[in-house]
Amino acid sequence: MNKIYNYRKALKEDILNYIKDNDVLDYKYESAHELHEILNDELWGSNIVGNDGDYYASAEKCEEYLAGNLSLGLNAVKDLGADFENIPVDPKETVQYLDCMIRLHLLWDCIWDALKELGFKEDYE
């Protein structure tokens, strides 16, 4: 039996790598909230979520990731306010689109997960 891909864990690791690779912690931030907002803005349109005009993973990989996560993809599309009629018809594009929607949907929480792992605390409600 194949293991179900853990989007939350994978995205958190991608965010941690981004922080490390881009020396994000070398700068001083007013608060963890400010750092979170900056990361959210930077990553929303990035290859980390596949929302930069070019999906970060192949259709085959995305199909593998979606196995067991299809409901998460559909919930992400719904929660982000995307129109189901705009889901690409081409099967390869569809799996990449859903994969991207999941990553966008989880981005906010996964940034906090990464920051908490680095010792930051949420400093606002």
PDB file of N, CA and C in Angstrom:
ATOM      1  N   MET A   1       0.837  -1.183   0.000  1.00  0.00           N
ATOM      2  CA  MET A   1       0.000   0.000   0.000  1.00  0.00           C
ATOM      3  C   MET A   1       0.886   1.252   0.000  1.00  0.00           C
ATOM      4  N   ASN A   2       0.569   2.183  -0.870  1.00  0.00           N
ATOM      5  CA  ASN A   2       1.328   3.426  -0.942  1.00  0.00           C
ATOM      6  C   ASN A   2       0.965   4.345   0.216  1.00  0.00           C
ATOM      7  N   LYS A   3       1.951   5.075   0.667  1.00  0.00           N
ATOM      8  CA  LYS A   3       1.752   6.037   1.732  1.00  0.00           C
ATOM      9  C   LYS A   3       1.150   7.307   1.140  1.00  0.00           C
ATOM     10  N   ILE A   4       0.191   7.900   1.842  1.00  0.00           N
ATOM     11  CA  ILE A   4      -0.436   9.130   1.376  1.00  0.00           C
ATOM     12  C   ILE A   4       0.531  10.290   1.601  1.00  0.00           C
ATOM     13  N   TYR A   5       0.717  11.087   0.578  1.00  0.00           N
ATOM     14  CA  TYR A   5       1.611  12.245   0.616  1.00  0.00           C
ATOM     15  C   TYR A   5       1.103  13.244   1.653  1.00  0.00           C
ATOM     16  N   ASN A   6       1.999  13.713   2.494  1.00  0.00           N
ATOM     17  CA  ASN A   6       1.650  14.664   3.538  1.00  0.00           C
ATOM     18  C   ASN A   6       1.988  16.075   3.054  1.00  0.00           C
ATOM     19  N   TYR A   7       0.990  16.757   2.512  1.00  0.00           N
ATOM     20  CA  TYR A   7       1.199  18.101   1.980  1.00  0.00           C
ATOM     21  C   TYR A   7       1.714  19.058   3.040  1.00  0.00           C
ATOM     22  N   ARG A   8       1.133  18.995   4.218  1.00  0.00           N
ATOM     23  CA  ARG A   8       1.503  19.916   5.291  1.00  0.00           C
ATOM     24  C   ARG A   8       2.985  19.779   5.652  1.00  0.00           C
ATOM     25  N   LYS A   9       3.429  18.555   5.812  1.00  0.00           N
ATOM     26  CA  LYS A   9       4.826  18.299   6.171  1.00  0.00           C
ATOM     27  C   LYS A   9       5.765  18.726   5.037  1.00  0.00           C
ATOM     28  N   ALA A  10       5.417  18.373   3.815  1.00  0.00           N
ATOM     29  CA  ALA A  10       6.264  18.708   2.663  1.00  0.00           C
ATOM     30  C   ALA A  10       6.361  20.220   2.462  1.00  0.00           C
ATOM     31  N   LEU A  11       5.239  20.906   2.584  1.00  0.00           N
ATOM     32  CA  LEU A  11       5.246  22.357   2.391  1.00  0.00           C
ATOM     33  C   LEU A  11       6.033  23.040   3.502  1.00  0.00           C
ATOM     34  N   LYS A  12       5.877  22.571   4.731  1.00  0.00           N
ATOM     35  CA  LYS A  12       6.650  23.146   5.841  1.00  0.00           C
ATOM     36  C   LYS A  12       8.145  22.985   5.572  1.00  0.00           C
ATOM     37  N   GLU A  13       8.558  21.816   5.104  1.00  0.00           N
ATOM     38  CA  GLU A  13       9.976  21.590   4.797  1.00  0.00           C
ATOM     39  C   GLU A  13      10.444  22.501   3.664  1.00  0.00           C
ATOM     40  N   ASP A  14       9.617  22.701   2.658  1.00  0.00           N
ATOM     41  CA  ASP A  14       9.967  23.614   1.563  1.00  0.00           C
ATOM     42  C   ASP A  14      10.138  25.048   2.080  1.00  0.00           C
ATOM     43  N   ILE A  15       9.278  25.437   3.005  1.00  0.00           N
ATOM     44  CA  ILE A  15       9.359  26.784   3.585  1.00  0.00           C
ATOM     45  C   ILE A  15      10.626  26.924   4.419  1.00  0.00           C
ATOM     46  N   LEU A  16      10.926  25.919   5.228  1.00  0.00           N
ATOM     47  CA  LEU A  16      12.157  25.948   6.018  1.00  0.00           C
ATOM     48  C   LEU A  16      13.383  26.051   5.117  1.00  0.00           C
ATOM     49  N   ASN A  17      13.388  25.306   4.029  1.00  0.00           N
ATOM     50  CA  ASN A  17      14.503  25.374   3.072  1.00  0.00           C
ATOM     51  C   ASN A  17      14.588  26.758   2.430  1.00  0.00           C
ATOM     52  N   TYR A  18      13.448  27.345   2.102  1.00  0.00           N
ATOM     53  CA  TYR A  18      13.425  28.688   1.525  1.00  0.00           C
ATOM     54  C   TYR A  18      14.026  29.694   2.501  1.00  0.00           C
ATOM     55  N   ILE A  19      13.621  29.607   3.757  1.00  0.00           N
ATOM     56  CA  ILE A  19      14.133  30.515   4.785  1.00  0.00           C
ATOM     57  C   ILE A  19      15.647  30.387   4.886  1.00  0.00           C
ATOM     58  N   LYS A  20      16.132  29.152   4.912  1.00  0.00           N
ATOM     59  CA  LYS A  20      17.573  28.902   5.021  1.00  0.00           C
ATOM     60  C   LYS A  20      18.316  29.354   3.759  1.00  0.00           C
ATOM     61  N   ASP A  21      17.825  28.942   2.607  1.00  0.00           N
ATOM     62  CA  ASP A  21      18.504  29.230   1.339  1.00  0.00           C
ATOM     63  C   ASP A  21      18.542  30.715   1.001  1.00  0.00           C
ATOM     64  N   ASN A  22      17.586  31.468   1.517  1.00  0.00           N
ATOM     65  CA  ASN A  22      17.504  32.900   1.205  1.00  0.00           C
ATOM     66  C   ASN A  22      17.915  33.783   2.375  1.00  0.00           C
ATOM     67  N   ASP A  23      18.554  33.182   3.373  1.00  0.00           N
ATOM     68  CA  ASP A  23      19.060  33.923   4.526  1.00  0.00           C
ATOM     69  C   ASP A  23      18.010  34.850   5.135  1.00  0.00           C
ATOM     70  N   VAL A  24      16.781  34.391   5.175  1.00  0.00           N
ATOM     71  CA  VAL A  24      15.665  35.204   5.665  1.00  0.00           C
ATOM     72  C   VAL A  24      15.887  35.651   7.107  1.00  0.00           C
ATOM     73  N   LEU A  25      16.495  34.818   7.916  1.00  0.00           N
ATOM     74  CA  LEU A  25      16.664  35.148   9.330  1.00  0.00           C
ATOM     75  C   LEU A  25      17.838  36.084   9.593  1.00  0.00           C
ATOM     76  N   ASP A  26      18.552  36.471   8.541  1.00  0.00           N
ATOM     77  CA  ASP A  26      19.645  37.429   8.685  1.00  0.00           C
ATOM     78  C   ASP A  26      19.131  38.858   8.869  1.00  0.00           C
ATOM     79  N   TYR A  27      17.850  39.071   8.653  1.00  0.00           N
ATOM     80  CA  TYR A  27      17.250  40.396   8.761  1.00  0.00           C
ATOM     81  C   TYR A  27      16.482  40.505  10.066  1.00  0.00           C
ATOM     82  N   LYS A  28      16.319  41.711  10.533  1.00  0.00           N
ATOM     83  CA  LYS A  28      15.580  41.952  11.769  1.00  0.00           C
ATOM     84  C   LYS A  28      14.133  42.298  11.419  1.00  0.00           C
ATOM     85  N   TYR A  29      13.217  41.665  12.116  1.00  0.00           N
ATOM     86  CA  TYR A  29      11.793  41.891  11.896  1.00  0.00           C
ATOM     87  C   TYR A  29      11.179  42.438  13.175  1.00  0.00           C
ATOM     88  N   GLU A  30      10.183  43.271  13.012  1.00  0.00           N
ATOM     89  CA  GLU A  30       9.504  43.865  14.166  1.00  0.00           C
ATOM     90  C   GLU A  30       8.821  42.791  15.011  1.00  0.00           C
ATOM     91  N   SER A  31       8.327  41.756  14.344  1.00  0.00           N
ATOM     92  CA  SER A  31       7.573  40.723  15.044  1.00  0.00           C
ATOM     93  C   SER A  31       7.527  39.466  14.183  1.00  0.00           C
ATOM     94  N   ALA A  32       7.111  38.384  14.803  1.00  0.00           N
ATOM     95  CA  ALA A  32       6.901  37.148  14.042  1.00  0.00           C
ATOM     96  C   ALA A  32       5.784  37.352  13.023  1.00  0.00           C
ATOM     97  N   HIS A  33       4.818  38.166  13.386  1.00  0.00           N
ATOM     98  CA  HIS A  33       3.717  38.469  12.471  1.00  0.00           C
ATOM     99  C   HIS A  33       4.241  39.138  11.198  1.00  0.00           C
ATOM    100  N   GLU A  34       5.151  40.092  11.358  1.00  0.00           N
ATOM    101  CA  GLU A  34       5.727  40.768  10.193  1.00  0.00           C
ATOM    102  C   GLU A  34       6.468  39.765   9.298  1.00  0.00           C
ATOM    103  N   LEU A  35       7.279  38.915   9.911  1.00  0.00           N
ATOM    104  CA  LEU A  35       8.005  37.909   9.139  1.00  0.00           C
ATOM    105  C   LEU A  35       7.028  36.974   8.425  1.00  0.00           C
ATOM    106  N   HIS A  36       5.978  36.579   9.119  1.00  0.00           N
ATOM    107  CA  HIS A  36       4.966  35.707   8.515  1.00  0.00           C
ATOM    108  C   HIS A  36       4.336  36.370   7.305  1.00  0.00           C
ATOM    109  N   GLU A  37       3.952  37.631   7.453  1.00  0.00           N
ATOM    110  CA  GLU A  37       3.324  38.362   6.347  1.00  0.00           C
ATOM    111  C   GLU A  37       4.264  38.465   5.146  1.00  0.00           C
ATOM    112  N   ILE A  38       5.541  38.763   5.408  1.00  0.00           N
ATOM    113  CA  ILE A  38       6.526  38.873   4.329  1.00  0.00           C
ATOM    114  C   ILE A  38       6.667  37.529   3.613  1.00  0.00           C
ATOM    115  N   LEU A  39       6.800  36.461   4.386  1.00  0.00           N
ATOM    116  CA  LEU A  39       6.931  35.128   3.772  1.00  0.00           C
ATOM    117  C   LEU A  39       5.682  34.760   2.991  1.00  0.00           C
ATOM    118  N   ASN A  40       4.513  35.056   3.527  1.00  0.00           N
ATOM    119  CA  ASN A  40       3.279  34.736   2.818  1.00  0.00           C
ATOM    120  C   ASN A  40       3.231  35.462   1.474  1.00  0.00           C
ATOM    121  N   ASP A  41       3.584  36.749   1.480  1.00  0.00           N
ATOM    122  CA  ASP A  41       3.594  37.524   0.229  1.00  0.00           C
ATOM    123  C   ASP A  41       4.599  36.967  -0.774  1.00  0.00           C
ATOM    124  N   GLU A  42       5.804  36.637  -0.283  1.00  0.00           N
ATOM    125  CA  GLU A  42       6.850  36.129  -1.174  1.00  0.00           C
ATOM    126  C   GLU A  42       6.499  34.749  -1.725  1.00  0.00           C
ATOM    127  N   LEU A  43       5.967  33.892  -0.886  1.00  0.00           N
ATOM    128  CA  LEU A  43       5.743  32.504  -1.287  1.00  0.00           C
ATOM    129  C   LEU A  43       4.450  32.301  -2.067  1.00  0.00           C
ATOM    130  N   TRP A  44       3.483  33.194  -1.909  1.00  0.00           N
ATOM    131  CA  TRP A  44       2.198  33.041  -2.604  1.00  0.00           C
ATOM    132  C   TRP A  44       2.399  32.932  -4.118  1.00  0.00           C
ATOM    133  N   GLY A  45       3.278  33.717  -4.664  1.00  0.00           N
ATOM    134  CA  GLY A  45       3.517  33.713  -6.105  1.00  0.00           C
ATOM    135  C   GLY A  45       4.786  32.985  -6.492  1.00  0.00           C
ATOM    136  N   SER A  46       5.192  32.052  -5.674  1.00  0.00           N
ATOM    137  CA  SER A  46       6.472  31.377  -5.906  1.00  0.00           C
ATOM    138  C   SER A  46       6.315  29.972  -6.465  1.00  0.00           C
ATOM    139  N   ASN A  47       7.444  29.432  -6.839  1.00  0.00           N
ATOM    140  CA  ASN A  47       7.481  28.058  -7.321  1.00  0.00           C
ATOM    141  C   ASN A  47       7.236  27.060  -6.189  1.00  0.00           C
ATOM    142  N   ILE A  48       7.411  27.468  -4.957  1.00  0.00           N
ATOM    143  CA  ILE A  48       7.176  26.574  -3.816  1.00  0.00           C
ATOM    144  C   ILE A  48       5.731  26.100  -3.781  1.00  0.00           C
ATOM    145  N   VAL A  49       4.821  26.961  -4.158  1.00  0.00           N
ATOM    146  CA  VAL A  49       3.414  26.556  -4.220  1.00  0.00           C
ATOM    147  C   VAL A  49       2.959  26.277  -5.647  1.00  0.00           C
ATOM    148  N   GLY A  50       3.806  26.586  -6.621  1.00  0.00           N
ATOM    149  CA  GLY A  50       3.438  26.356  -8.014  1.00  0.00           C
ATOM    150  C   GLY A  50       2.543  27.432  -8.575  1.00  0.00           C
ATOM    151  N   ASN A  51       2.553  28.593  -7.951  1.00  0.00           N
ATOM    152  CA  ASN A  51       1.668  29.683  -8.361  1.00  0.00           C
ATOM    153  C   ASN A  51       2.446  30.789  -9.064  1.00  0.00           C
ATOM    154  N   ASP A  52       3.539  30.413  -9.709  1.00  0.00           N
ATOM    155  CA  ASP A  52       4.378  31.398 -10.382  1.00  0.00           C
ATOM    156  C   ASP A  52       4.260  31.314 -11.905  1.00  0.00           C
ATOM    157  N   GLY A  53       3.216  30.657 -12.365  1.00  0.00           N
ATOM    158  CA  GLY A  53       3.030  30.501 -13.803  1.00  0.00           C
ATOM    159  C   GLY A  53       3.622  29.206 -14.334  1.00  0.00           C
ATOM    160  N   ASP A  54       4.365  28.529 -13.492  1.00  0.00           N
ATOM    161  CA  ASP A  54       4.972  27.258 -13.874  1.00  0.00           C
ATOM    162  C   ASP A  54       4.895  26.335 -12.669  1.00  0.00           C
ATOM    163  N   TYR A  55       4.175  25.246 -12.796  1.00  0.00           N
ATOM    164  CA  TYR A  55       4.004  24.338 -11.663  1.00  0.00           C
ATOM    165  C   TYR A  55       5.347  23.790 -11.202  1.00  0.00           C
ATOM    166  N   TYR A  56       5.494  23.599  -9.893  1.00  0.00           N
ATOM    167  CA  TYR A  56       6.778  23.174  -9.327  1.00  0.00           C
ATOM    168  C   TYR A  56       7.063  21.699  -9.542  1.00  0.00           C
ATOM    169  N   ALA A  57       6.038  20.914  -9.846  1.00  0.00           N
ATOM    170  CA  ALA A  57       6.230  19.471 -10.013  1.00  0.00           C
ATOM    171  C   ALA A  57       5.551  19.006 -11.298  1.00  0.00           C
ATOM    172  N   SER A  58       6.029  17.897 -11.815  1.00  0.00           N
ATOM    173  CA  SER A  58       5.441  17.329 -13.030  1.00  0.00           C
ATOM    174  C   SER A  58       4.031  16.831 -12.746  1.00  0.00           C
ATOM    175  N   ALA A  59       3.277  16.655 -13.797  1.00  0.00           N
ATOM    176  CA  ALA A  59       1.918  16.126 -13.652  1.00  0.00           C
ATOM    177  C   ALA A  59       1.946  14.749 -13.003  1.00  0.00           C
ATOM    178  N   GLU A  60       2.936  13.953 -13.337  1.00  0.00           N
ATOM    179  CA  GLU A  60       3.032  12.607 -12.766  1.00  0.00           C
ATOM    180  C   GLU A  60       3.250  12.673 -11.257  1.00  0.00           C
ATOM    181  N   LYS A  61       4.128  13.582 -10.813  1.00  0.00           N
ATOM    182  CA  LYS A  61       4.382  13.752  -9.382  1.00  0.00           C
ATOM    183  C   LYS A  61       3.128  14.276  -8.684  1.00  0.00           C
ATOM    184  N   CYS A  62       2.484  15.247  -9.288  1.00  0.00           N
ATOM    185  CA  CYS A  62       1.272  15.813  -8.693  1.00  0.00           C
ATOM    186  C   CYS A  62       0.184  14.755  -8.573  1.00  0.00           C
ATOM    187  N   GLU A  63       0.071  13.910  -9.567  1.00  0.00           N
ATOM    188  CA  GLU A  63      -0.911  12.832  -9.511  1.00  0.00           C
ATOM    189  C   GLU A  63      -0.597  11.894  -8.340  1.00  0.00           C
ATOM    190  N   GLU A  64       0.671  11.602  -8.153  1.00  0.00           N
ATOM    191  CA  GLU A  64       1.109  10.770  -7.028  1.00  0.00           C
ATOM    192  C   GLU A  64       0.773  11.456  -5.696  1.00  0.00           C
ATOM    193  N   TYR A  65       1.044  12.763  -5.608  1.00  0.00           N
ATOM    194  CA  TYR A  65       0.772  13.516  -4.384  1.00  0.00           C
ATOM    195  C   TYR A  65      -0.730  13.562  -4.077  1.00  0.00           C
ATOM    196  N   LEU A  66      -1.546  13.656  -5.111  1.00  0.00           N
ATOM    197  CA  LEU A  66      -2.991  13.775  -4.919  1.00  0.00           C
ATOM    198  C   LEU A  66      -3.669  12.473  -4.526  1.00  0.00           C
ATOM    199  N   ALA A  67      -3.007  11.351  -4.776  1.00  0.00           N
ATOM    200  CA  ALA A  67      -3.594  10.054  -4.416  1.00  0.00           C
ATOM    201  C   ALA A  67      -3.886  10.058  -2.914  1.00  0.00           C
ATOM    202  N   GLY A  68      -5.138   9.950  -2.575  1.00  0.00           N
ATOM    203  CA  GLY A  68      -5.554   9.989  -1.176  1.00  0.00           C
ATOM    204  C   GLY A  68      -5.792  11.400  -0.660  1.00  0.00           C
ATOM    205  N   ASN A  69      -5.534  12.404  -1.481  1.00  0.00           N
ATOM    206  CA  ASN A  69      -5.694  13.806  -1.069  1.00  0.00           C
ATOM    207  C   ASN A  69      -6.674  14.577  -1.952  1.00  0.00           C
ATOM    208  N   LEU A  70      -7.453  13.885  -2.745  1.00  0.00           N
ATOM    209  CA  LEU A  70      -8.349  14.567  -3.676  1.00  0.00           C
ATOM    210  C   LEU A  70      -9.354  15.461  -2.948  1.00  0.00           C
ATOM    211  N   SER A  71      -9.896  14.993  -1.830  1.00  0.00           N
ATOM    212  CA  SER A  71     -10.857  15.820  -1.097  1.00  0.00           C
ATOM    213  C   SER A  71     -10.188  17.093  -0.570  1.00  0.00           C
ATOM    214  N   LEU A  72      -8.922  16.997  -0.185  1.00  0.00           N
ATOM    215  CA  LEU A  72      -8.173  18.174   0.239  1.00  0.00           C
ATOM    216  C   LEU A  72      -8.066  19.168  -0.918  1.00  0.00           C
ATOM    217  N   GLY A  73      -7.822  18.662  -2.116  1.00  0.00           N
ATOM    218  CA  GLY A  73      -7.743  19.525  -3.296  1.00  0.00           C
ATOM    219  C   GLY A  73      -9.057  20.212  -3.601  1.00  0.00           C
ATOM    220  N   LEU A  74     -10.140  19.486  -3.528  1.00  0.00           N
ATOM    221  CA  LEU A  74     -11.450  20.071  -3.806  1.00  0.00           C
ATOM    222  C   LEU A  74     -11.835  21.081  -2.731  1.00  0.00           C
ATOM    223  N   ASN A  75     -11.514  20.778  -1.481  1.00  0.00           N
ATOM    224  CA  ASN A  75     -11.776  21.742  -0.402  1.00  0.00           C
ATOM    225  C   ASN A  75     -10.940  22.996  -0.581  1.00  0.00           C
ATOM    226  N   ALA A  76      -9.701  22.840  -1.018  1.00  0.00           N
ATOM    227  CA  ALA A  76      -8.828  23.987  -1.243  1.00  0.00           C
ATOM    228  C   ALA A  76      -9.403  24.891  -2.326  1.00  0.00           C
ATOM    229  N   VAL A  77      -9.864  24.294  -3.417  1.00  0.00           N
ATOM    230  CA  VAL A  77     -10.459  25.078  -4.505  1.00  0.00           C
ATOM    231  C   VAL A  77     -11.673  25.836  -3.975  1.00  0.00           C
ATOM    232  N   LYS A  78     -12.504  25.152  -3.227  1.00  0.00           N
ATOM    233  CA  LYS A  78     -13.714  25.772  -2.676  1.00  0.00           C
ATOM    234  C   LYS A  78     -13.350  26.883  -1.679  1.00  0.00           C
ATOM    235  N   ASP A  79     -12.447  26.599  -0.738  1.00  0.00           N
ATOM    236  CA  ASP A  79     -12.094  27.573   0.298  1.00  0.00           C
ATOM    237  C   ASP A  79     -11.369  28.788  -0.253  1.00  0.00           C
ATOM    238  N   LEU A  80     -10.622  28.623  -1.324  1.00  0.00           N
ATOM    239  CA  LEU A  80      -9.927  29.758  -1.931  1.00  0.00           C
ATOM    240  C   LEU A  80     -10.837  30.570  -2.841  1.00  0.00           C
ATOM    241  N   GLY A  81     -12.065  30.099  -2.994  1.00  0.00           N
ATOM    242  CA  GLY A  81     -13.029  30.833  -3.801  1.00  0.00           C
ATOM    243  C   GLY A  81     -12.839  30.665  -5.291  1.00  0.00           C
ATOM    244  N   ALA A  82     -12.079  29.644  -5.679  1.00  0.00           N
ATOM    245  CA  ALA A  82     -11.887  29.387  -7.110  1.00  0.00           C
ATOM    246  C   ALA A  82     -13.174  28.795  -7.679  1.00  0.00           C
ATOM    247  N   ASP A  83     -13.388  29.040  -8.913  1.00  0.00           N
ATOM    248  CA  ASP A  83     -14.570  28.541  -9.603  1.00  0.00           C
ATOM    249  C   ASP A  83     -14.258  27.161 -10.164  1.00  0.00           C
ATOM    250  N   PHE A  84     -15.076  26.178  -9.811  1.00  0.00           N
ATOM    251  CA  PHE A  84     -14.845  24.819 -10.293  1.00  0.00           C
ATOM    252  C   PHE A  84     -14.849  24.755 -11.822  1.00  0.00           C
ATOM    253  N   GLU A  85     -15.517  25.695 -12.453  1.00  0.00           N
ATOM    254  CA  GLU A  85     -15.544  25.712 -13.912  1.00  0.00           C
ATOM    255  C   GLU A  85     -14.190  26.115 -14.499  1.00  0.00           C
ATOM    256  N   ASN A  86     -13.327  26.700 -13.686  1.00  0.00           N
ATOM    257  CA  ASN A  86     -12.007  27.126 -14.159  1.00  0.00           C
ATOM    258  C   ASN A  86     -10.939  26.061 -13.997  1.00  0.00           C
ATOM    259  N   ILE A  87     -11.297  24.918 -13.419  1.00  0.00           N
ATOM    260  CA  ILE A  87     -10.329  23.833 -13.298  1.00  0.00           C
ATOM    261  C   ILE A  87      -9.994  23.362 -14.708  1.00  0.00           C
ATOM    262  N   PRO A  88      -8.709  23.261 -15.034  1.00  0.00           N
ATOM    263  CA  PRO A  88      -8.323  22.855 -16.394  1.00  0.00           C
ATOM    264  C   PRO A  88      -8.935  21.510 -16.794  1.00  0.00           C
ATOM    265  N   VAL A  89      -9.264  21.394 -18.066  1.00  0.00           N
ATOM    266  CA  VAL A  89      -9.862  20.174 -18.583  1.00  0.00           C
ATOM    267  C   VAL A  89      -8.799  19.110 -18.839  1.00  0.00           C
ATOM    268  N   ASP A  90      -7.625  19.530 -19.269  1.00  0.00           N
ATOM    269  CA  ASP A  90      -6.537  18.600 -19.535  1.00  0.00           C
ATOM    270  C   ASP A  90      -6.148  17.905 -18.231  1.00  0.00           C
ATOM    271  N   PRO A  91      -6.155  16.569 -18.194  1.00  0.00           N
ATOM    272  CA  PRO A  91      -5.859  15.842 -16.948  1.00  0.00           C
ATOM    273  C   PRO A  91      -4.516  16.207 -16.323  1.00  0.00           C
ATOM    274  N   LYS A  92      -3.487  16.432 -17.151  1.00  0.00           N
ATOM    275  CA  LYS A  92      -2.181  16.794 -16.610  1.00  0.00           C
ATOM    276  C   LYS A  92      -2.239  18.152 -15.913  1.00  0.00           C
ATOM    277  N   GLU A  93      -2.907  19.091 -16.537  1.00  0.00           N
ATOM    278  CA  GLU A  93      -3.038  20.412 -15.930  1.00  0.00           C
ATOM    279  C   GLU A  93      -3.946  20.369 -14.703  1.00  0.00           C
ATOM    280  N   THR A  94      -4.950  19.519 -14.714  1.00  0.00           N
ATOM    281  CA  THR A  94      -5.877  19.416 -13.594  1.00  0.00           C
ATOM    282  C   THR A  94      -5.156  18.994 -12.324  1.00  0.00           C
ATOM    283  N   VAL A  95      -4.314  17.976 -12.407  1.00  0.00           N
ATOM    284  CA  VAL A  95      -3.622  17.512 -11.192  1.00  0.00           C
ATOM    285  C   VAL A  95      -2.631  18.567 -10.703  1.00  0.00           C
ATOM    286  N   GLN A  96      -1.993  19.279 -11.616  1.00  0.00           N
ATOM    287  CA  GLN A  96      -1.066  20.330 -11.211  1.00  0.00           C
ATOM    288  C   GLN A  96      -1.830  21.507 -10.585  1.00  0.00           C
ATOM    289  N   TYR A  97      -2.957  21.840 -11.141  1.00  0.00           N
ATOM    290  CA  TYR A  97      -3.802  22.910 -10.614  1.00  0.00           C
ATOM    291  C   TYR A  97      -4.268  22.570  -9.199  1.00  0.00           C
ATOM    292  N   LEU A  98      -4.774  21.359  -9.008  1.00  0.00           N
ATOM    293  CA  LEU A  98      -5.246  20.959  -7.677  1.00  0.00           C
ATOM    294  C   LEU A  98      -4.102  20.921  -6.666  1.00  0.00           C
ATOM    295  N   ASP A  99      -2.956  20.450  -7.097  1.00  0.00           N
ATOM    296  CA  ASP A  99      -1.784  20.427  -6.234  1.00  0.00           C
ATOM    297  C   ASP A  99      -1.424  21.852  -5.795  1.00  0.00           C
ATOM    298  N   CYS A 100      -1.419  22.777  -6.717  1.00  0.00           N
ATOM    299  CA  CYS A 100      -1.126  24.178  -6.422  1.00  0.00           C
ATOM    300  C   CYS A 100      -2.172  24.745  -5.458  1.00  0.00           C
ATOM    301  N   MET A 101      -3.430  24.451  -5.679  1.00  0.00           N
ATOM    302  CA  MET A 101      -4.493  24.949  -4.809  1.00  0.00           C
ATOM    303  C   MET A 101      -4.315  24.447  -3.377  1.00  0.00           C
ATOM    304  N   ILE A 102      -3.918  23.191  -3.226  1.00  0.00           N
ATOM    305  CA  ILE A 102      -3.683  22.643  -1.885  1.00  0.00           C
ATOM    306  C   ILE A 102      -2.563  23.410  -1.202  1.00  0.00           C
ATOM    307  N   ARG A 103      -1.480  23.619  -1.922  1.00  0.00           N
ATOM    308  CA  ARG A 103      -0.336  24.324  -1.327  1.00  0.00           C
ATOM    309  C   ARG A 103      -0.694  25.768  -0.978  1.00  0.00           C
ATOM    310  N   LEU A 104      -1.448  26.427  -1.815  1.00  0.00           N
ATOM    311  CA  LEU A 104      -1.893  27.790  -1.500  1.00  0.00           C
ATOM    312  C   LEU A 104      -2.795  27.785  -0.270  1.00  0.00           C
ATOM    313  N   HIS A 105      -3.682  26.813  -0.214  1.00  0.00           N
ATOM    314  CA  HIS A 105      -4.634  26.683   0.889  1.00  0.00           C
ATOM    315  C   HIS A 105      -3.918  26.461   2.223  1.00  0.00           C
ATOM    316  N   LEU A 106      -2.834  25.707   2.207  1.00  0.00           N
ATOM    317  CA  LEU A 106      -2.106  25.368   3.432  1.00  0.00           C
ATOM    318  C   LEU A 106      -0.994  26.351   3.774  1.00  0.00           C
ATOM    319  N   LEU A 107      -0.684  27.254   2.858  1.00  0.00           N
ATOM    320  CA  LEU A 107       0.490  28.120   3.010  1.00  0.00           C
ATOM    321  C   LEU A 107       0.505  28.882   4.330  1.00  0.00           C
ATOM    322  N   TRP A 108      -0.563  29.563   4.673  1.00  0.00           N
ATOM    323  CA  TRP A 108      -0.618  30.392   5.877  1.00  0.00           C
ATOM    324  C   TRP A 108      -0.230  29.579   7.113  1.00  0.00           C
ATOM    325  N   ASP A 109      -0.882  28.436   7.298  1.00  0.00           N
ATOM    326  CA  ASP A 109      -0.616  27.596   8.474  1.00  0.00           C
ATOM    327  C   ASP A 109       0.781  26.977   8.433  1.00  0.00           C
ATOM    328  N   CYS A 110       1.214  26.579   7.262  1.00  0.00           N
ATOM    329  CA  CYS A 110       2.540  25.944   7.154  1.00  0.00           C
ATOM    330  C   CYS A 110       3.671  26.931   7.415  1.00  0.00           C
ATOM    331  N   ILE A 111       3.466  28.195   7.079  1.00  0.00           N
ATOM    332  CA  ILE A 111       4.468  29.204   7.425  1.00  0.00           C
ATOM    333  C   ILE A 111       4.572  29.289   8.942  1.00  0.00           C
ATOM    334  N   TRP A 112       3.431  29.314   9.628  1.00  0.00           N
ATOM    335  CA  TRP A 112       3.475  29.347  11.096  1.00  0.00           C
ATOM    336  C   TRP A 112       4.134  28.096  11.642  1.00  0.00           C
ATOM    337  N   ASP A 113       3.820  26.946  11.068  1.00  0.00           N
ATOM    338  CA  ASP A 113       4.449  25.701  11.515  1.00  0.00           C
ATOM    339  C   ASP A 113       5.969  25.791  11.393  1.00  0.00           C
ATOM    340  N   ALA A 114       6.447  26.338  10.283  1.00  0.00           N
ATOM    341  CA  ALA A 114       7.893  26.482  10.067  1.00  0.00           C
ATOM    342  C   ALA A 114       8.490  27.475  11.059  1.00  0.00           C
ATOM    343  N   LEU A 115       7.812  28.597  11.261  1.00  0.00           N
ATOM    344  CA  LEU A 115       8.323  29.606  12.186  1.00  0.00           C
ATOM    345  C   LEU A 115       8.346  29.075  13.620  1.00  0.00           C
ATOM    346  N   LYS A 116       7.339  28.332  13.993  1.00  0.00           N
ATOM    347  CA  LYS A 116       7.316  27.733  15.339  1.00  0.00           C
ATOM    348  C   LYS A 116       8.481  26.770  15.504  1.00  0.00           C
ATOM    349  N   GLU A 117       8.761  26.000  14.467  1.00  0.00           N
ATOM    350  CA  GLU A 117       9.898  25.078  14.530  1.00  0.00           C
ATOM    351  C   GLU A 117      11.210  25.835  14.714  1.00  0.00           C
ATOM    352  N   LEU A 118      11.263  27.053  14.210  1.00  0.00           N
ATOM    353  CA  LEU A 118      12.460  27.886  14.344  1.00  0.00           C
ATOM    354  C   LEU A 118      12.472  28.690  15.655  1.00  0.00           C
ATOM    355  N   GLY A 119      11.452  28.491  16.484  1.00  0.00           N
ATOM    356  CA  GLY A 119      11.410  29.140  17.791  1.00  0.00           C
ATOM    357  C   GLY A 119      10.574  30.411  17.876  1.00  0.00           C
ATOM    358  N   PHE A 120       9.892  30.783  16.800  1.00  0.00           N
ATOM    359  CA  PHE A 120       9.030  31.960  16.831  1.00  0.00           C
ATOM    360  C   PHE A 120       7.690  31.588  17.446  1.00  0.00           C
ATOM    361  N   LYS A 121       7.054  32.578  18.033  1.00  0.00           N
ATOM    362  CA  LYS A 121       5.711  32.386  18.587  1.00  0.00           C
ATOM    363  C   LYS A 121       4.763  33.345  17.875  1.00  0.00           C
ATOM    364  N   GLU A 122       3.533  32.884  17.669  1.00  0.00           N
ATOM    365  CA  GLU A 122       2.535  33.763  17.087  1.00  0.00           C
ATOM    366  C   GLU A 122       2.309  34.911  18.057  1.00  0.00           C
ATOM    367  N   ASP A 123       2.432  36.127  17.566  1.00  0.00           N
ATOM    368  CA  ASP A 123       2.346  37.277  18.448  1.00  0.00           C
ATOM    369  C   ASP A 123       1.120  38.139  18.158  1.00  0.00           C
ATOM    370  N   TYR A 124       0.104  37.526  17.634  1.00  0.00           N
ATOM    371  CA  TYR A 124      -1.163  38.226  17.414  1.00  0.00           C
ATOM    372  C   TYR A 124      -2.259  37.188  17.355  1.00  0.00           C
ATOM    373  N   GLU A 125      -3.448  37.647  17.544  1.00  0.00           N
ATOM    374  CA  GLU A 125      -4.619  36.745  17.490  1.00  0.00           C
ATOM    375  C   GLU A 125      -5.305  36.905  16.164  1.00  0.00           C
TER     376      GLU A 125
END
